[in-house]
C-alpha atoms as a PDB file:
ATOM      1  CA  MET A   1      72.414 125.038  69.066  1.00  0.00           C
ATOM      2  CA  ILE A   2      71.677 121.329  68.919  1.00  0.00           C
ATOM      3  CA  THR A   3      68.315 119.663  68.642  1.00  0.00           C
ATOM      4  CA  TRP A   4      66.723 117.341  71.187  1.00  0.00           C
ATOM      5  CA  GLU A   5      67.330 114.533  68.685  1.00  0.00           C
ATOM      6  CA  ASP A   6      71.062 115.378  68.713  1.00  0.00           C
ATOM      7  CA  PHE A   7      71.150 115.195  72.511  1.00  0.00           C
ATOM      8  CA  GLU A   8      69.304 111.859  72.525  1.00  0.00           C
ATOM      9  CA  LYS A   9      72.116 110.349  70.415  1.00  0.00           C
ATOM     10  CA  VAL A  10      74.580 110.807  73.292  1.00  0.00           C
ATOM     11  CA  GLU A  11      74.449 107.726  75.519  1.00  0.00           C
ATOM     12  CA  LEU A  12      75.106 109.259  78.947  1.00  0.00           C
ATOM     13  CA  ARG A  13      74.822 106.243  81.247  1.00  0.00           C
ATOM     14  CA  VAL A  14      75.522 105.475  84.893  1.00  0.00           C
ATOM     15  CA  GLY A  15      78.152 102.880  85.722  1.00  0.00           C
ATOM     16  CA  THR A  16      79.888 101.592  88.828  1.00  0.00           C
ATOM     17  CA  ILE A  17      83.681 101.576  89.021  1.00  0.00           C
ATOM     18  CA  ILE A  18      84.782  98.002  89.705  1.00  0.00           C
ATOM     19  CA  ASP A  19      88.554  98.308  89.243  1.00  0.00           C
ATOM     20  CA  VAL A  20      91.154 101.087  89.259  1.00  0.00           C
ATOM     21  CA  GLN A  21      94.756 100.818  88.091  1.00  0.00           C
ATOM     22  CA  ASP A  22      97.567 103.337  87.843  1.00  0.00           C
ATOM     23  CA  PHE A  23      98.313 104.578  84.324  1.00  0.00           C
ATOM     24  CA  PRO A  24     101.997 105.542  84.467  1.00  0.00           C
ATOM     25  CA  GLU A  25     102.293 105.779  80.654  1.00  0.00           C
ATOM     26  CA  ALA A  26      99.712 108.601  80.459  1.00  0.00           C
ATOM     27  CA  ARG A  27     101.034 112.075  79.614  1.00  0.00           C
ATOM     28  CA  LYS A  28      99.021 113.600  82.466  1.00  0.00           C
ATOM     29  CA  PRO A  29      98.409 111.708  85.740  1.00  0.00           C
ATOM     30  CA  ALA A  30      95.492 109.339  85.210  1.00  0.00           C
ATOM     31  CA  TYR A  31      93.890 106.073  86.272  1.00  0.00           C
ATOM     32  CA  LYS A  32      92.654 103.193  84.152  1.00  0.00           C
ATOM     33  CA  LEU A  33      89.076 102.517  85.246  1.00  0.00           C
ATOM     34  CA  THR A  34      86.937  99.443  84.687  1.00  0.00           C
ATOM     35  CA  ILE A  35      83.262 100.399  84.841  1.00  0.00           C
ATOM     36  CA  ASP A  36      80.141  98.210  84.958  1.00  0.00           C
ATOM     37  CA  PHE A  37      77.360  99.740  82.846  1.00  0.00           C
ATOM     38  CA  GLY A  38      74.858  96.951  83.529  1.00  0.00           C
ATOM     39  CA  GLU A  39      73.191  95.674  80.367  1.00  0.00           C
ATOM     40  CA  PHE A  40      75.674  97.746  78.306  1.00  0.00           C
ATOM     41  CA  GLY A  41      78.610  95.758  79.610  1.00  0.00           C
ATOM     42  CA  ILE A  42      81.887  96.418  81.310  1.00  0.00           C
ATOM     43  CA  LYS A  43      83.981  99.150  79.718  1.00  0.00           C
ATOM     44  CA  LYS A  44      87.403 100.654  80.302  1.00  0.00           C
ATOM     45  CA  SER A  45      88.209 104.342  80.548  1.00  0.00           C
ATOM     46  CA  SER A  46      91.225 106.531  81.198  1.00  0.00           C
ATOM     47  CA  ALA A  47      90.455 109.354  83.626  1.00  0.00           C
ATOM     48  CA  GLN A  48      92.611 112.250  84.786  1.00  0.00           C
ATOM     49  CA  ILE A  49      91.146 112.269  88.292  1.00  0.00           C
ATOM     50  CA  THR A  50      94.205 111.591  90.443  1.00  0.00           C
ATOM     51  CA  GLN A  51      94.146 115.002  92.170  1.00  0.00           C
ATOM     52  CA  HIS A  52      90.804 114.448  93.914  1.00  0.00           C
ATOM     53  CA  TYR A  53      90.482 110.662  94.167  1.00  0.00           C
ATOM     54  CA  LYS A  54      92.491 107.803  95.627  1.00  0.00           C
ATOM     55  CA  LYS A  55      92.198 104.454  93.878  1.00  0.00           C
ATOM     56  CA  GLU A  56      90.662 102.718  96.877  1.00  0.00           C
ATOM     57  CA  ASP A  57      87.976 105.427  97.228  1.00  0.00           C
ATOM     58  CA  LEU A  58      86.802 104.956  93.635  1.00  0.00           C
ATOM     59  CA  ILE A  59      85.796 101.285  93.873  1.00  0.00           C
ATOM     60  CA  GLY A  60      81.999 101.057  94.067  1.00  0.00           C
ATOM     61  CA  ARG A  61      81.470 104.713  93.136  1.00  0.00           C
ATOM     62  CA  GLN A  62      78.880 105.429  90.470  1.00  0.00           C
ATOM     63  CA  ILE A  63      79.840 107.786  87.660  1.00  0.00           C
ATOM     64  CA  VAL A  64      78.284 109.135  84.466  1.00  0.00           C
ATOM     65  CA  GLY A  65      79.932 108.076  81.232  1.00  0.00           C
ATOM     66  CA  VAL A  66      79.396 108.459  77.497  1.00  0.00           C
ATOM     67  CA  ILE A  67      79.303 104.899  76.182  1.00  0.00           C
ATOM     68  CA  ASN A  68      78.742 105.409  72.451  1.00  0.00           C
ATOM     69  CA  PHE A  69      81.978 107.093  71.381  1.00  0.00           C
ATOM     70  CA  PRO A  70      84.300 104.896  69.310  1.00  0.00           C
ATOM     71  CA  PRO A  71      87.214 103.365  71.236  1.00  0.00           C
ATOM     72  CA  LYS A  72      90.166 105.752  71.630  1.00  0.00           C
ATOM     73  CA  GLN A  73      93.800 104.692  71.811  1.00  0.00           C
ATOM     74  CA  ILE A  74      95.572 106.466  74.680  1.00  0.00           C
ATOM     75  CA  GLY A  75      99.182 105.293  74.626  1.00  0.00           C
ATOM     76  CA  PRO A  76      99.123 101.529  75.212  1.00  0.00           C
ATOM     77  CA  PHE A  77      95.519 101.642  76.514  1.00  0.00           C
ATOM     78  CA  VAL A  78      92.200 101.594  74.648  1.00  0.00           C
ATOM     79  CA  SER A  79      89.509 103.730  76.286  1.00  0.00           C
ATOM     80  CA  GLU A  80      86.001 102.425  75.514  1.00  0.00           C
ATOM     81  CA  CYS A  81      83.961 105.198  77.126  1.00  0.00           C
ATOM     82  CA  LEU A  82      84.326 108.769  78.371  1.00  0.00           C
ATOM     83  CA  THR A  83      84.163 109.286  82.122  1.00  0.00           C
ATOM     84  CA  THR A  84      82.561 112.702  82.647  1.00  0.00           C
ATOM     85  CA  GLY A  85      83.452 115.412  85.109  1.00  0.00           C
ATOM     86  CA  PHE A  86      83.922 119.114  85.652  1.00  0.00           C
ATOM     87  CA  ALA A  87      87.113 121.102  86.145  1.00  0.00           C
ATOM     88  CA  ASP A  88      87.527 122.805  89.498  1.00  0.00           C
ATOM     89  CA  GLU A  89      89.185 126.214  89.929  1.00  0.00           C
ATOM     90  CA  ASN A  90      92.610 124.580  89.393  1.00  0.00           C
ATOM     91  CA  GLY A  91      91.581 122.622  86.309  1.00  0.00           C
ATOM     92  CA  ASP A  92      91.449 119.295  88.199  1.00  0.00           C
ATOM     93  CA  VAL A  93      88.557 116.989  87.323  1.00  0.00           C
ATOM     94  CA  VAL A  94      85.665 116.338  89.716  1.00  0.00           C
ATOM     95  CA  LEU A  95      83.577 113.330  88.653  1.00  0.00           C
ATOM     96  CA  THR A  96      79.978 113.596  87.502  1.00  0.00           C
ATOM     97  CA  GLN A  97      77.904 111.201  89.583  1.00  0.00           C
ATOM     98  CA  PRO A  98      74.284 110.640  90.578  1.00  0.00           C
ATOM     99  CA  GLU A  99      73.229 112.024  93.937  1.00  0.00           C
ATOM    100  CA  GLN A 100      71.671 108.677  94.850  1.00  0.00           C
ATOM    101  CA  LYS A 101      72.366 105.114  93.736  1.00  0.00           C
ATOM    102  CA  VAL A 102      70.587 104.162  90.517  1.00  0.00           C
ATOM    103  CA  PRO A 103      70.731 100.992  88.392  1.00  0.00           C
ATOM    104  CA  ASN A 104      73.883 100.629  86.265  1.00  0.00           C
ATOM    105  CA  GLY A 105      73.100 101.543  82.674  1.00  0.00           C
ATOM    106  CA  SER A 106      70.479 104.156  83.591  1.00  0.00           C
ATOM    107  CA  LYS A 107      70.338 106.891  80.960  1.00  0.00           C
ATOM    108  CA  MET A 108      70.672 110.570  81.777  1.00  0.00           C
ATOM    109  CA  PHE A 109      67.799 112.642  80.465  1.00  0.00           C
END
């Protein structure tokens, strides 16, 4: 079990995807995302979401990301945040997103 204080340390924030690029060097099919987290800046993330999402459908979509992990080297790419999602029955990722539009940088609580 974790405490409420532990949970509060995780910066789960809403951001809007502003750019999507293919990531052919990734071991598993993935995109390189550029996400606007408002006052927390623009961050990059690698996301294995190619099964459910086309690049052009991701632009402007809000997602939930963890923005306070240290940067992670993924092949030639540095991921600056974790894009969150849930695995479907086949293990393919479905993005976590707010039901309605909220300001970029809003914290999940």
